[in-house]
Amino acid sequence: MVKSLLLIPLLCAPLWACQATNKQNACDGFSRLTPSLETSVTILKTDRPFADQVASHNRFGASQGCWK
C-alpha cells in the first residue's frame, strides 16, 4: 500500500509537465457584444438587467484593451 502511494507523484509528473506555460491574456475568449439597433431597443424595453450586463461586458473589455 505504501509503495503504491509513493508511485502516485511519479505517475502524475507527466501531467504536470503538460501545463500551458504561456501567459493568459484577459482578452482570451472575449469579444465585444454588438446587437443591432432593433435588438438593442427590444432588449432595453423588455430586459433591462440583461442590457446592463451587455453594457458592463463591453465596458470591461474596453478597459482591458480588448477592443477600442
C-alpha atoms as a PDB file:
ATOM      1  CA  MET A   1       0.000   0.000   0.000  1.00  0.00           C
ATOM      2  CA  VAL A   2       2.723   2.478   0.973  1.00  0.00           C
ATOM      3  CA  LYS A   3       4.719   1.636  -2.159  1.00  0.00           C
ATOM      4  CA  SER A   4       1.718   2.404  -4.351  1.00  0.00           C
ATOM      5  CA  LEU A   5       1.288   5.783  -2.635  1.00  0.00           C
ATOM      6  CA  LEU A   6       4.922   6.602  -3.395  1.00  0.00           C
ATOM      7  CA  LEU A   7       4.310   5.925  -7.092  1.00  0.00           C
ATOM      8  CA  ILE A   8       1.483   8.471  -7.390  1.00  0.00           C
ATOM      9  CA  PRO A   9       3.781  11.531  -7.735  1.00  0.00           C
ATOM     10  CA  LEU A  10       5.815   9.727 -10.390  1.00  0.00           C
ATOM     11  CA  LEU A  11       2.696   8.883 -12.349  1.00  0.00           C
ATOM     12  CA  CYS A  12       1.371  12.437 -12.109  1.00  0.00           C
ATOM     13  CA  ALA A  13       4.631  14.159 -13.097  1.00  0.00           C
ATOM     14  CA  PRO A  14       3.972  13.850 -16.860  1.00  0.00           C
ATOM     15  CA  LEU A  15       0.606  15.547 -16.378  1.00  0.00           C
ATOM     16  CA  TRP A  16       2.177  18.478 -14.544  1.00  0.00           C
ATOM     17  CA  ALA A  17       4.674  18.870 -17.378  1.00  0.00           C
ATOM     18  CA  CYS A  18       1.811  19.409 -19.842  1.00  0.00           C
ATOM     19  CA  GLN A  19       0.623  22.625 -18.241  1.00  0.00           C
ATOM     20  CA  ALA A  20       0.486  25.625 -20.517  1.00  0.00           C
ATOM     21  CA  THR A  21       3.394  27.934 -19.892  1.00  0.00           C
ATOM     22  CA  ASN A  22       2.180  30.899 -21.919  1.00  0.00           C
ATOM     23  CA  LYS A  23       0.750  33.885 -20.083  1.00  0.00           C
ATOM     24  CA  GLN A  24      -3.024  34.140 -20.123  1.00  0.00           C
ATOM     25  CA  ASN A  25      -4.500  37.265 -21.636  1.00  0.00           C
ATOM     26  CA  ALA A  26      -7.596  38.951 -20.168  1.00  0.00           C
ATOM     27  CA  CYS A  27      -8.997  39.135 -23.700  1.00  0.00           C
ATOM     28  CA  ASP A  28      -8.723  35.405 -24.490  1.00  0.00           C
ATOM     29  CA  GLY A  29     -12.134  34.088 -25.493  1.00  0.00           C
ATOM     30  CA  PHE A  30     -13.656  37.511 -25.024  1.00  0.00           C
ATOM     31  CA  SER A  31     -15.323  39.540 -27.745  1.00  0.00           C
ATOM     32  CA  ARG A  32     -17.453  42.648 -27.896  1.00  0.00           C
ATOM     33  CA  LEU A  33     -21.230  42.183 -27.976  1.00  0.00           C
ATOM     34  CA  THR A  34     -22.772  44.203 -30.801  1.00  0.00           C
ATOM     35  CA  PRO A  35     -26.526  43.703 -31.103  1.00  0.00           C
ATOM     36  CA  SER A  36     -28.319  45.540 -33.881  1.00  0.00           C
ATOM     37  CA  LEU A  37     -30.157  48.756 -33.074  1.00  0.00           C
ATOM     38  CA  GLU A  38     -33.511  46.954 -33.266  1.00  0.00           C
ATOM     39  CA  THR A  39     -32.319  44.223 -30.898  1.00  0.00           C
ATOM     40  CA  SER A  40     -30.862  46.799 -28.508  1.00  0.00           C
ATOM     41  CA  VAL A  41     -34.161  48.685 -28.335  1.00  0.00           C
ATOM     42  CA  THR A  42     -36.107  45.458 -27.747  1.00  0.00           C
ATOM     43  CA  ILE A  43     -33.733  44.333 -25.007  1.00  0.00           C
ATOM     44  CA  LEU A  44     -33.866  47.752 -23.326  1.00  0.00           C
ATOM     45  CA  LYS A  45     -37.672  47.624 -23.301  1.00  0.00           C
ATOM     46  CA  THR A  46     -38.070  44.010 -22.195  1.00  0.00           C
ATOM     47  CA  ASP A  47     -34.973  43.030 -20.200  1.00  0.00           C
ATOM     48  CA  ARG A  48     -33.121  45.974 -18.703  1.00  0.00           C
ATOM     49  CA  PRO A  49     -30.876  43.846 -16.415  1.00  0.00           C
ATOM     50  CA  PHE A  50     -29.568  41.967 -19.454  1.00  0.00           C
ATOM     51  CA  ALA A  51     -28.968  45.230 -21.312  1.00  0.00           C
ATOM     52  CA  ASP A  52     -26.955  46.427 -18.307  1.00  0.00           C
ATOM     53  CA  GLN A  53     -24.931  43.186 -18.373  1.00  0.00           C
ATOM     54  CA  VAL A  54     -24.114  43.667 -22.067  1.00  0.00           C
ATOM     55  CA  ALA A  55     -23.018  47.242 -21.414  1.00  0.00           C
ATOM     56  CA  SER A  56     -20.898  46.134 -18.447  1.00  0.00           C
ATOM     57  CA  HIS A  57     -19.311  43.374 -20.535  1.00  0.00           C
ATOM     58  CA  ASN A  58     -18.395  45.841 -23.263  1.00  0.00           C
ATOM     59  CA  ARG A  59     -17.025  48.409 -20.777  1.00  0.00           C
ATOM     60  CA  PHE A  60     -14.884  45.755 -19.107  1.00  0.00           C
ATOM     61  CA  GLY A  61     -13.454  44.598 -22.442  1.00  0.00           C
ATOM     62  CA  ALA A  62     -12.664  48.159 -23.425  1.00  0.00           C
ATOM     63  CA  SER A  63     -10.970  48.815 -20.086  1.00  0.00           C
ATOM     64  CA  GLN A  64      -8.787  45.711 -20.618  1.00  0.00           C
ATOM     65  CA  GLY A  65      -7.779  46.943 -24.081  1.00  0.00           C
ATOM     66  CA  CYS A  66      -9.501  44.057 -25.881  1.00  0.00           C
ATOM     67  CA  TRP A  67     -11.011  46.435 -28.431  1.00  0.00           C
ATOM     68  CA  LYS A  68     -11.379  50.144 -28.983  1.00  0.00           C
END
